[in-house]
ModelCIF file with pLDDT and N, C-alpha, C, O atoms, coordinates in Angstrom:
data_MODEL
#
_entry.id   MODEL 
#
_entity.id                         1 
_entity.type                       polymer 
_entity.pdbx_number_of_molecules   1 
#
_entity_poly.entity_id                      1 
_entity_poly.type                           'polypeptide(L)' 
_entity_poly.nstd_linkage                   no 
_entity_poly.nstd_monomer                   no 
_entity_poly.pdbx_seq_one_letter_code       TFSSVAMGWFRQIPGKDRDFVIFISQSGGSTVSADSVKGRFTISR 
_entity_poly.pdbx_seq_one_letter_code_can   TFSSVAMGWFRQIPGKDRDFVIFISQSGGSTVSADSVKGRFTISR 
_entity_poly.pdbx_strand_id                 A 
#
loop_
_entity_poly_seq.entity_id 
_entity_poly_seq.num 
_entity_poly_seq.mon_id 
_entity_poly_seq.hetero 
1 1  THR n 
1 2  PHE n 
1 3  SER n 
1 4  SER n 
1 5  VAL n 
1 6  ALA n 
1 7  MET n 
1 8  GLY n 
1 9  TRP n 
1 10 PHE n 
1 11 ARG n 
1 12 GLN n 
1 13 ILE n 
1 14 PRO n 
1 15 GLY n 
1 16 LYS n 
1 17 ASP n 
1 18 ARG n 
1 19 ASP n 
1 20 PHE n 
1 21 VAL n 
1 22 ILE n 
1 23 PHE n 
1 24 ILE n 
1 25 SER n 
1 26 GLN n 
1 27 SER n 
1 28 GLY n 
1 29 GLY n 
1 30 SER n 
1 31 THR n 
1 32 VAL n 
1 33 SER n 
1 34 ALA n 
1 35 ASP n 
1 36 SER n 
1 37 VAL n 
1 38 LYS n 
1 39 GLY n 
1 40 ARG n 
1 41 PHE n 
1 42 THR n 
1 43 ILE n 
1 44 SER n 
1 45 ARG n 
#
_struct_asym.id          A 
_struct_asym.entity_id   1 
#
loop_
_ma_qa_metric.id 
_ma_qa_metric.mode 
_ma_qa_metric.name 
_ma_qa_metric.software_group_id 
_ma_qa_metric.type 
1 global pLDDT . pLDDT 
2 local  pLDDT . pLDDT 
#
_ma_qa_metric_global.metric_id      1 
_ma_qa_metric_global.metric_value   96.51 
_ma_qa_metric_global.model_id       1 
_ma_qa_metric_global.ordinal_id     1 
#
loop_
_ma_qa_metric_local.label_asym_id 
_ma_qa_metric_local.label_comp_id 
_ma_qa_metric_local.label_seq_id 
_ma_qa_metric_local.metric_id 
_ma_qa_metric_local.metric_value 
_ma_qa_metric_local.model_id 
_ma_qa_metric_local.ordinal_id 
A THR 1  2 93.00 1 1  
A PHE 2  2 95.00 1 2  
A SER 3  2 92.00 1 3  
A SER 4  2 93.00 1 4  
A VAL 5  2 96.00 1 5  
A ALA 6  2 97.00 1 6  
A MET 7  2 98.00 1 7  
A GLY 8  2 98.00 1 8  
A TRP 9  2 98.00 1 9  
A PHE 10 2 98.00 1 10 
A ARG 11 2 98.00 1 11 
A GLN 12 2 98.00 1 12 
A ILE 13 2 97.00 1 13 
A PRO 14 2 93.00 1 14 
A GLY 15 2 94.00 1 15 
A LYS 16 2 95.00 1 16 
A ASP 17 2 95.00 1 17 
A ARG 18 2 97.00 1 18 
A ASP 19 2 98.00 1 19 
A PHE 20 2 98.00 1 20 
A VAL 21 2 98.00 1 21 
A ILE 22 2 98.00 1 22 
A PHE 23 2 98.00 1 23 
A ILE 24 2 97.00 1 24 
A SER 25 2 96.00 1 25 
A GLN 26 2 95.00 1 26 
A SER 27 2 93.00 1 27 
A GLY 28 2 93.00 1 28 
A GLY 29 2 93.00 1 29 
A SER 30 2 95.00 1 30 
A THR 31 2 97.00 1 31 
A VAL 32 2 97.00 1 32 
A SER 33 2 98.00 1 33 
A ALA 34 2 98.00 1 34 
A ASP 35 2 98.00 1 35 
A SER 36 2 97.00 1 36 
A VAL 37 2 98.00 1 37 
A LYS 38 2 98.00 1 38 
A GLY 39 2 97.00 1 39 
A ARG 40 2 98.00 1 40 
A PHE 41 2 98.00 1 41 
A THR 42 2 98.00 1 42 
A ILE 43 2 98.00 1 43 
A SER 44 2 98.00 1 44 
A ARG 45 2 98.00 1 45 
#
loop_
_atom_site.group_PDB 
_atom_site.id 
_atom_site.type_symbol 
_atom_site.label_atom_id 
_atom_site.label_alt_id 
_atom_site.label_comp_id 
_atom_site.label_asym_id 
_atom_site.label_entity_id 
_atom_site.label_seq_id 
_atom_site.pdbx_PDB_ins_code 
_atom_site.Cartn_x 
_atom_site.Cartn_y 
_atom_site.Cartn_z 
_atom_site.occupancy 
_atom_site.B_iso_or_equiv 
_atom_site.pdbx_formal_charge 
_atom_site.auth_seq_id 
_atom_site.auth_comp_id 
_atom_site.auth_asym_id 
_atom_site.auth_atom_id 
_atom_site.pdbx_PDB_model_num 
ATOM 1   N N  . THR A 1 1  ? -49.272 28.497 25.107 1.00 93.00 ? 1  THR A N  1 
ATOM 2   C CA . THR A 1 1  ? -48.246 28.210 26.144 1.00 93.00 ? 1  THR A CA 1 
ATOM 3   C C  . THR A 1 1  ? -46.927 28.705 25.638 1.00 93.00 ? 1  THR A C  1 
ATOM 4   O O  . THR A 1 1  ? -46.257 28.037 24.851 1.00 93.00 ? 1  THR A O  1 
ATOM 5   N N  . PHE A 1 2  ? -46.562 29.851 26.080 1.00 95.00 ? 2  PHE A N  1 
ATOM 6   C CA . PHE A 1 2  ? -45.430 30.594 25.466 1.00 95.00 ? 2  PHE A CA 1 
ATOM 7   C C  . PHE A 1 2  ? -44.118 29.834 25.598 1.00 95.00 ? 2  PHE A C  1 
ATOM 8   O O  . PHE A 1 2  ? -43.298 29.844 24.680 1.00 95.00 ? 2  PHE A O  1 
ATOM 9   N N  . SER A 1 3  ? -43.927 29.214 26.667 1.00 92.00 ? 3  SER A N  1 
ATOM 10  C CA . SER A 1 3  ? -42.652 28.502 26.937 1.00 92.00 ? 3  SER A CA 1 
ATOM 11  C C  . SER A 1 3  ? -42.506 27.286 25.977 1.00 92.00 ? 3  SER A C  1 
ATOM 12  O O  . SER A 1 3  ? -41.421 26.707 25.916 1.00 92.00 ? 3  SER A O  1 
ATOM 13  N N  . SER A 1 4  ? -43.510 26.902 25.265 1.00 93.00 ? 4  SER A N  1 
ATOM 14  C CA . SER A 1 4  ? -43.458 25.745 24.370 1.00 93.00 ? 4  SER A CA 1 
ATOM 15  C C  . SER A 1 4  ? -43.368 26.174 22.856 1.00 93.00 ? 4  SER A C  1 
ATOM 16  O O  . SER A 1 4  ? -43.354 25.341 21.951 1.00 93.00 ? 4  SER A O  1 
ATOM 17  N N  . VAL A 1 5  ? -43.313 27.444 22.661 1.00 96.00 ? 5  VAL A N  1 
ATOM 18  C CA . VAL A 1 5  ? -43.191 27.890 21.244 1.00 96.00 ? 5  VAL A CA 1 
ATOM 19  C C  . VAL A 1 5  ? -41.826 28.566 21.018 1.00 96.00 ? 5  VAL A C  1 
ATOM 20  O O  . VAL A 1 5  ? -41.310 29.314 21.848 1.00 96.00 ? 5  VAL A O  1 
ATOM 21  N N  . ALA A 1 6  ? -41.289 28.249 19.845 1.00 97.00 ? 6  ALA A N  1 
ATOM 22  C CA . ALA A 1 6  ? -40.123 28.999 19.421 1.00 97.00 ? 6  ALA A CA 1 
ATOM 23  C C  . ALA A 1 6  ? -40.564 30.261 18.693 1.00 97.00 ? 6  ALA A C  1 
ATOM 24  O O  . ALA A 1 6  ? -41.647 30.280 18.108 1.00 97.00 ? 6  ALA A O  1 
ATOM 25  N N  . MET A 1 7  ? -39.760 31.304 18.714 1.00 98.00 ? 7  MET A N  1 
ATOM 26  C CA . MET A 1 7  ? -40.180 32.572 18.230 1.00 98.00 ? 7  MET A CA 1 
ATOM 27  C C  . MET A 1 7  ? -39.185 33.118 17.182 1.00 98.00 ? 7  MET A C  1 
ATOM 28  O O  . MET A 1 7  ? -37.981 32.870 17.261 1.00 98.00 ? 7  MET A O  1 
ATOM 29  N N  . GLY A 1 8  ? -39.699 33.834 16.243 1.00 98.00 ? 8  GLY A N  1 
ATOM 30  C CA . GLY A 1 8  ? -38.789 34.485 15.267 1.00 98.00 ? 8  GLY A CA 1 
ATOM 31  C C  . GLY A 1 8  ? -39.291 35.846 14.922 1.00 98.00 ? 8  GLY A C  1 
ATOM 32  O O  . GLY A 1 8  ? -40.451 36.199 15.136 1.00 98.00 ? 8  GLY A O  1 
ATOM 33  N N  . TRP A 1 9  ? -38.380 36.592 14.385 1.00 98.00 ? 9  TRP A N  1 
ATOM 34  C CA . TRP A 1 9  ? -38.704 37.926 13.811 1.00 98.00 ? 9  TRP A CA 1 
ATOM 35  C C  . TRP A 1 9  ? -38.415 37.868 12.284 1.00 98.00 ? 9  TRP A C  1 
ATOM 36  O O  . TRP A 1 9  ? -37.396 37.318 11.867 1.00 98.00 ? 9  TRP A O  1 
ATOM 37  N N  . PHE A 1 10 ? -39.289 38.421 11.491 1.00 98.00 ? 10 PHE A N  1 
ATOM 38  C CA . PHE A 1 10 ? -39.115 38.514 10.041 1.00 98.00 ? 10 PHE A CA 1 
ATOM 39  C C  . PHE A 1 10 ? -39.354 40.011 9.701  1.00 98.00 ? 10 PHE A C  1 
ATOM 40  O O  . PHE A 1 10 ? -39.883 40.765 10.517 1.00 98.00 ? 10 PHE A O  1 
ATOM 41  N N  . ARG A 1 11 ? -38.955 40.411 8.496  1.00 98.00 ? 11 ARG A N  1 
ATOM 42  C CA . ARG A 1 11 ? -39.254 41.728 8.019  1.00 98.00 ? 11 ARG A CA 1 
ATOM 43  C C  . ARG A 1 11 ? -39.566 41.711 6.554  1.00 98.00 ? 11 ARG A C  1 
ATOM 44  O O  . ARG A 1 11 ? -39.152 40.821 5.811  1.00 98.00 ? 11 ARG A O  1 
ATOM 45  N N  . GLN A 1 12 ? -40.305 42.715 6.157  1.00 98.00 ? 12 GLN A N  1 
ATOM 46  C CA . GLN A 1 12 ? -40.828 42.787 4.759  1.00 98.00 ? 12 GLN A CA 1 
ATOM 47  C C  . GLN A 1 12 ? -40.873 44.146 4.306  1.00 98.00 ? 12 GLN A C  1 
ATOM 48  O O  . GLN A 1 12 ? -41.317 45.030 5.040  1.00 98.00 ? 12 GLN A O  1 
ATOM 49  N N  . ILE A 1 13 ? -40.413 44.396 3.065  1.00 97.00 ? 13 ILE A N  1 
ATOM 50  C CA . ILE A 1 13 ? -40.606 45.715 2.379  1.00 97.00 ? 13 ILE A CA 1 
ATOM 51  C C  . ILE A 1 13 ? -41.559 45.502 1.239  1.00 97.00 ? 13 ILE A C  1 
ATOM 52  O O  . ILE A 1 13 ? -41.658 44.391 0.718  1.00 97.00 ? 13 ILE A O  1 
ATOM 53  N N  . PRO A 1 14 ? -42.273 46.548 0.829  1.00 93.00 ? 14 PRO A N  1 
ATOM 54  C CA . PRO A 1 14 ? -43.297 46.351 -0.230 1.00 93.00 ? 14 PRO A CA 1 
ATOM 55  C C  . PRO A 1 14 ? -42.718 45.672 -1.518 1.00 93.00 ? 14 PRO A C  1 
ATOM 56  O O  . PRO A 1 14 ? -41.662 46.033 -2.036 1.00 93.00 ? 14 PRO A O  1 
ATOM 57  N N  . GLY A 1 15 ? -43.445 44.736 -1.949 1.00 94.00 ? 15 GLY A N  1 
ATOM 58  C CA . GLY A 1 15 ? -43.057 44.038 -3.183 1.00 94.00 ? 15 GLY A CA 1 
ATOM 59  C C  . GLY A 1 15 ? -42.039 42.985 -3.072 1.00 94.00 ? 15 GLY A C  1 
ATOM 60  O O  . GLY A 1 15 ? -41.634 42.385 -4.068 1.00 94.00 ? 15 GLY A O  1 
ATOM 61  N N  . LYS A 1 16 ? -41.583 42.729 -1.796 1.00 95.00 ? 16 LYS A N  1 
ATOM 62  C CA . LYS A 1 16 ? -40.591 41.728 -1.571 1.00 95.00 ? 16 LYS A CA 1 
ATOM 63  C C  . LYS A 1 16 ? -41.153 40.656 -0.640 1.00 95.00 ? 16 LYS A C  1 
ATOM 64  O O  . LYS A 1 16 ? -42.162 40.846 0.040  1.00 95.00 ? 16 LYS A O  1 
ATOM 65  N N  . ASP A 1 17 ? -40.440 39.499 -0.642 1.00 95.00 ? 17 ASP A N  1 
ATOM 66  C CA . ASP A 1 17 ? -40.850 38.365 0.274  1.00 95.00 ? 17 ASP A CA 1 
ATOM 67  C C  . ASP A 1 17 ? -40.506 38.800 1.705  1.00 95.00 ? 17 ASP A C  1 
ATOM 68  O O  . ASP A 1 17 ? -39.705 39.705 1.941  1.00 95.00 ? 17 ASP A O  1 
ATOM 69  N N  . ARG A 1 18 ? -41.155 38.108 2.639  1.00 97.00 ? 18 ARG A N  1 
ATOM 70  C CA . ARG A 1 18 ? -40.892 38.264 4.034  1.00 97.00 ? 18 ARG A CA 1 
ATOM 71  C C  . ARG A 1 18 ? -39.603 37.552 4.404  1.00 97.00 ? 18 ARG A C  1 
ATOM 72  O O  . ARG A 1 18 ? -39.491 36.339 4.222  1.00 97.00 ? 18 ARG A O  1 
ATOM 73  N N  . ASP A 1 19 ? -38.615 38.300 4.929  1.00 98.00 ? 19 ASP A N  1 
ATOM 74  C CA . ASP A 1 19 ? -37.259 37.748 5.144  1.00 98.00 ? 19 ASP A CA 1 
ATOM 75  C C  . ASP A 1 19 ? -37.025 37.433 6.627  1.00 98.00 ? 19 ASP A C  1 
ATOM 76  O O  . ASP A 1 19 ? -37.459 38.153 7.526  1.00 98.00 ? 19 ASP A O  1 
ATOM 77  N N  . PHE A 1 20 ? -36.348 36.371 6.817  1.00 98.00 ? 20 PHE A N  1 
ATOM 78  C CA . PHE A 1 20 ? -35.943 35.971 8.194  1.00 98.00 ? 20 PHE A CA 1 
ATOM 79  C C  . PHE A 1 20 ? -35.006 36.968 8.747  1.00 98.00 ? 20 PHE A C  1 
ATOM 80  O O  . PHE A 1 20 ? -34.124 37.455 8.040  1.00 98.00 ? 20 PHE A O  1 
ATOM 81  N N  . VAL A 1 21 ? -35.171 37.300 10.025 1.00 98.00 ? 21 VAL A N  1 
ATOM 82  C CA . VAL A 1 21 ? -34.254 38.167 10.740 1.00 98.00 ? 21 VAL A CA 1 
ATOM 83  C C  . VAL A 1 21 ? -33.498 37.450 11.831 1.00 98.00 ? 21 VAL A C  1 
ATOM 84  O O  . VAL A 1 21 ? -32.268 37.433 11.858 1.00 98.00 ? 21 VAL A O  1 
ATOM 85  N N  . ILE A 1 22 ? -34.281 36.843 12.756 1.00 98.00 ? 22 ILE A N  1 
ATOM 86  C CA . ILE A 1 22 ? -33.640 36.227 13.902 1.00 98.00 ? 22 ILE A CA 1 
ATOM 87  C C  . ILE A 1 22 ? -34.622 35.290 14.606 1.00 98.00 ? 22 ILE A C  1 
ATOM 88  O O  . ILE A 1 22 ? -35.839 35.471 14.568 1.00 98.00 ? 22 ILE A O  1 
ATOM 89  N N  . PHE A 1 23 ? -34.029 34.276 15.253 1.00 98.00 ? 23 PHE A N  1 
ATOM 90  C CA . PHE A 1 23 ? -34.826 33.245 15.863 1.00 98.00 ? 23 PHE A CA 1 
ATOM 91  C C  . PHE A 1 23 ? -34.349 32.964 17.312 1.00 98.00 ? 23 PHE A C  1 
ATOM 92  O O  . PHE A 1 23 ? -33.176 33.138 17.644 1.00 98.00 ? 23 PHE A O  1 
ATOM 93  N N  . ILE A 1 24 ? -35.318 32.519 18.166 1.00 97.00 ? 24 ILE A N  1 
ATOM 94  C CA . ILE A 1 24 ? -34.955 32.112 19.511 1.00 97.00 ? 24 ILE A CA 1 
ATOM 95  C C  . ILE A 1 24 ? -35.700 30.827 19.874 1.00 97.00 ? 24 ILE A C  1 
ATOM 96  O O  . ILE A 1 24 ? -36.880 30.687 19.553 1.00 97.00 ? 24 ILE A O  1 
ATOM 97  N N  . SER A 1 25 ? -35.045 29.921 20.518 1.00 96.00 ? 25 SER A N  1 
ATOM 98  C CA . SER A 1 25 ? -35.680 28.653 20.877 1.00 96.00 ? 25 SER A CA 1 
ATOM 99  C C  . SER A 1 25 ? -36.591 28.806 22.026 1.00 96.00 ? 25 SER A C  1 
ATOM 100 O O  . SER A 1 25 ? -36.671 29.870 22.638 1.00 96.00 ? 25 SER A O  1 
ATOM 101 N N  . GLN A 1 26 ? -37.318 27.701 22.345 1.00 95.00 ? 26 GLN A N  1 
ATOM 102 C CA . GLN A 1 26 ? -38.315 27.773 23.376 1.00 95.00 ? 26 GLN A CA 1 
ATOM 103 C C  . GLN A 1 26 ? -37.786 28.213 24.696 1.00 95.00 ? 26 GLN A C  1 
ATOM 104 O O  . GLN A 1 26 ? -38.432 28.980 25.410 1.00 95.00 ? 26 GLN A O  1 
ATOM 105 N N  . SER A 1 27 ? -36.607 27.734 25.036 1.00 93.00 ? 27 SER A N  1 
ATOM 106 C CA . SER A 1 27 ? -35.996 28.089 26.319 1.00 93.00 ? 27 SER A CA 1 
ATOM 107 C C  . SER A 1 27 ? -35.240 29.434 26.284 1.00 93.00 ? 27 SER A C  1 
ATOM 108 O O  . SER A 1 27 ? -34.932 30.031 27.315 1.00 93.00 ? 27 SER A O  1 
ATOM 109 N N  . GLY A 1 28 ? -34.969 29.862 25.089 1.00 93.00 ? 28 GLY A N  1 
ATOM 110 C CA . GLY A 1 28 ? -34.124 31.039 24.923 1.00 93.00 ? 28 GLY A CA 1 
ATOM 111 C C  . GLY A 1 28 ? -32.637 30.697 24.903 1.00 93.00 ? 28 GLY A C  1 
ATOM 112 O O  . GLY A 1 28 ? -31.788 31.587 24.870 1.00 93.00 ? 28 GLY A O  1 
ATOM 113 N N  . GLY A 1 29 ? -32.332 29.417 24.922 1.00 93.00 ? 29 GLY A N  1 
ATOM 114 C CA . GLY A 1 29 ? -30.903 29.025 24.987 1.00 93.00 ? 29 GLY A CA 1 
ATOM 115 C C  . GLY A 1 29 ? -30.228 29.085 23.674 1.00 93.00 ? 29 GLY A C  1 
ATOM 116 O O  . GLY A 1 29 ? -29.001 29.178 23.637 1.00 93.00 ? 29 GLY A O  1 
ATOM 117 N N  . SER A 1 30 ? -30.974 29.036 22.536 1.00 95.00 ? 30 SER A N  1 
ATOM 118 C CA . SER A 1 30 ? -30.410 29.012 21.184 1.00 95.00 ? 30 SER A CA 1 
ATOM 119 C C  . SER A 1 30 ? -30.955 30.115 20.368 1.00 95.00 ? 30 SER A C  1 
ATOM 120 O O  . SER A 1 30 ? -32.164 30.347 20.368 1.00 95.00 ? 30 SER A O  1 
ATOM 121 N N  . THR A 1 31 ? -30.102 30.816 19.661 1.00 97.00 ? 31 THR A N  1 
ATOM 122 C CA . THR A 1 31 ? -30.551 31.878 18.742 1.00 97.00 ? 31 THR A CA 1 
ATOM 123 C C  . THR A 1 31 ? -29.787 31.731 17.428 1.00 97.00 ? 31 THR A C  1 
ATOM 124 O O  . THR A 1 31 ? -28.715 31.130 17.366 1.00 97.00 ? 31 THR A O  1 
ATOM 125 N N  . VAL A 1 32 ? -30.368 32.290 16.407 1.00 97.00 ? 32 VAL A N  1 
ATOM 126 C CA . VAL A 1 32 ? -29.646 32.339 15.119 1.00 97.00 ? 32 VAL A CA 1 
ATOM 127 C C  . VAL A 1 32 ? -30.203 33.592 14.416 1.00 97.00 ? 32 VAL A C  1 
ATOM 128 O O  . VAL A 1 32 ? -31.389 33.905 14.520 1.00 97.00 ? 32 VAL A O  1 
ATOM 129 N N  . SER A 1 33 ? -29.306 34.301 13.693 1.00 98.00 ? 33 SER A N  1 
ATOM 130 C CA . SER A 1 33 ? -29.710 35.519 13.032 1.00 98.00 ? 33 SER A CA 1 
ATOM 131 C C  . SER A 1 33 ? -29.239 35.489 11.551 1.00 98.00 ? 33 SER A C  1 
ATOM 132 O O  . SER A 1 33 ? -28.332 34.755 11.158 1.00 98.00 ? 33 SER A O  1 
ATOM 133 N N  . ALA A 1 34 ? -29.902 36.313 10.799 1.00 98.00 ? 34 ALA A N  1 
ATOM 134 C CA . ALA A 1 34 ? -29.481 36.488 9.403  1.00 98.00 ? 34 ALA A CA 1 
ATOM 135 C C  . ALA A 1 34 ? -28.125 37.238 9.347  1.00 98.00 ? 34 ALA A C  1 
ATOM 136 O O  . ALA A 1 34 ? -27.781 38.031 10.223 1.00 98.00 ? 34 ALA A O  1 
ATOM 137 N N  . ASP A 1 35 ? -27.393 36.939 8.280  1.00 98.00 ? 35 ASP A N  1 
ATOM 138 C CA . ASP A 1 35 ? -26.050 37.552 8.214  1.00 98.00 ? 35 ASP A CA 1 
ATOM 139 C C  . ASP A 1 35 ? -26.180 39.104 8.209  1.00 98.00 ? 35 ASP A C  1 
ATOM 140 O O  . ASP A 1 35 ? -25.321 39.798 8.754  1.00 98.00 ? 35 ASP A O  1 
ATOM 141 N N  . SER A 1 36 ? -27.219 39.617 7.612  1.00 97.00 ? 36 SER A N  1 
ATOM 142 C CA . SER A 1 36 ? -27.388 41.043 7.492  1.00 97.00 ? 36 SER A CA 1 
ATOM 143 C C  . SER A 1 36 ? -27.552 41.768 8.793  1.00 97.00 ? 36 SER A C  1 
ATOM 144 O O  . SER A 1 36 ? -27.370 42.985 8.821  1.00 97.00 ? 36 SER A O  1 
ATOM 145 N N  . VAL A 1 37 ? -27.886 41.103 9.877  1.00 98.00 ? 37 VAL A N  1 
ATOM 146 C CA . VAL A 1 37 ? -28.086 41.734 11.136 1.00 98.00 ? 37 VAL A CA 1 
ATOM 147 C C  . VAL A 1 37 ? -27.171 41.214 12.225 1.00 98.00 ? 37 VAL A C  1 
ATOM 148 O O  . VAL A 1 37 ? -27.244 41.641 13.377 1.00 98.00 ? 37 VAL A O  1 
ATOM 149 N N  . LYS A 1 38 ? -26.315 40.293 11.846 1.00 98.00 ? 38 LYS A N  1 
ATOM 150 C CA . LYS A 1 38 ? -25.431 39.684 12.852 1.00 98.00 ? 38 LYS A CA 1 
ATOM 151 C C  . LYS A 1 38 ? -24.545 40.735 13.496 1.00 98.00 ? 38 LYS A C  1 
ATOM 152 O O  . LYS A 1 38 ? -23.975 41.587 12.814 1.00 98.00 ? 38 LYS A O  1 
ATOM 153 N N  . GLY A 1 39 ? -24.437 40.667 14.801 1.00 97.00 ? 39 GLY A N  1 
ATOM 154 C CA . GLY A 1 39 ? -23.657 41.639 15.496 1.00 97.00 ? 39 GLY A CA 1 
ATOM 155 C C  . GLY A 1 39 ? -24.326 42.962 15.835 1.00 97.00 ? 39 GLY A C  1 
ATOM 156 O O  . GLY A 1 39 ? -23.789 43.786 16.576 1.00 97.00 ? 39 GLY A O  1 
ATOM 157 N N  . ARG A 1 40 ? -25.538 43.141 15.258 1.00 98.00 ? 40 ARG A N  1 
ATOM 158 C CA . ARG A 1 40 ? -26.283 44.380 15.500 1.00 98.00 ? 40 ARG A CA 1 
ATOM 159 C C  . ARG A 1 40 ? -27.608 44.097 16.181 1.00 98.00 ? 40 ARG A C  1 
ATOM 160 O O  . ARG A 1 40 ? -28.032 44.872 17.039 1.00 98.00 ? 40 ARG A O  1 
ATOM 161 N N  . PHE A 1 41 ? -28.266 43.020 15.827 1.00 98.00 ? 41 PHE A N  1 
ATOM 162 C CA . PHE A 1 41 ? -29.566 42.635 16.363 1.00 98.00 ? 41 PHE A CA 1 
ATOM 163 C C  . PHE A 1 41 ? -29.444 41.475 17.371 1.00 98.00 ? 41 PHE A C  1 
ATOM 164 O O  . PHE A 1 41 ? -28.686 40.534 17.137 1.00 98.00 ? 41 PHE A O  1 
ATOM 165 N N  . THR A 1 42 ? -30.142 41.536 18.424 1.00 98.00 ? 42 THR A N  1 
ATOM 166 C CA . THR A 1 42 ? -30.225 40.406 19.320 1.00 98.00 ? 42 THR A CA 1 
ATOM 167 C C  . THR A 1 42 ? -31.708 40.137 19.708 1.00 98.00 ? 42 THR A C  1 
ATOM 168 O O  . THR A 1 42 ? -32.547 41.037 19.725 1.00 98.00 ? 42 THR A O  1 
ATOM 169 N N  . ILE A 1 43 ? -31.965 38.895 20.006 1.00 98.00 ? 43 ILE A N  1 
ATOM 170 C CA . ILE A 1 43 ? -33.322 38.541 20.406 1.00 98.00 ? 43 ILE A CA 1 
ATOM 171 C C  . ILE A 1 43 ? -33.243 37.950 21.834 1.00 98.00 ? 43 ILE A C  1 
ATOM 172 O O  . ILE A 1 43 ? -32.260 37.323 22.227 1.00 98.00 ? 43 ILE A O  1 
ATOM 173 N N  . SER A 1 44 ? -34.275 38.178 22.539 1.00 98.00 ? 44 SER A N  1 
ATOM 174 C CA . SER A 1 44 ? -34.399 37.654 23.913 1.00 98.00 ? 44 SER A CA 1 
ATOM 175 C C  . SER A 1 44 ? -35.829 37.327 24.204 1.00 98.00 ? 44 SER A C  1 
ATOM 176 O O  . SER A 1 44 ? -36.704 37.768 23.458 1.00 98.00 ? 44 SER A O  1 
ATOM 177 N N  . ARG A 1 45 ? -36.123 36.594 25.226 1.00 98.00 ? 45 ARG A N  1 
ATOM 178 C CA . ARG A 1 45 ? -37.492 36.314 25.605 1.00 98.00 ? 45 ARG A CA 1 
ATOM 179 C C  . ARG A 1 45 ? -37.593 36.248 27.106 1.00 98.00 ? 45 ARG A C  1 
ATOM 180 O O  . ARG A 1 45 ? -38.677 36.019 27.642 1.00 98.00 ? 45 ARG A O  1 
#
């Protein structure tokens, strides 16, 4: 049930941990992003 799940994007380079990129809440009303992508990346659903 897609509307009941929150979603996120992560990224990973070889040999490194999977890093948080950006998040969006179930309704799409709240988002938060990593400092490294702030102002450049946006998430929507």
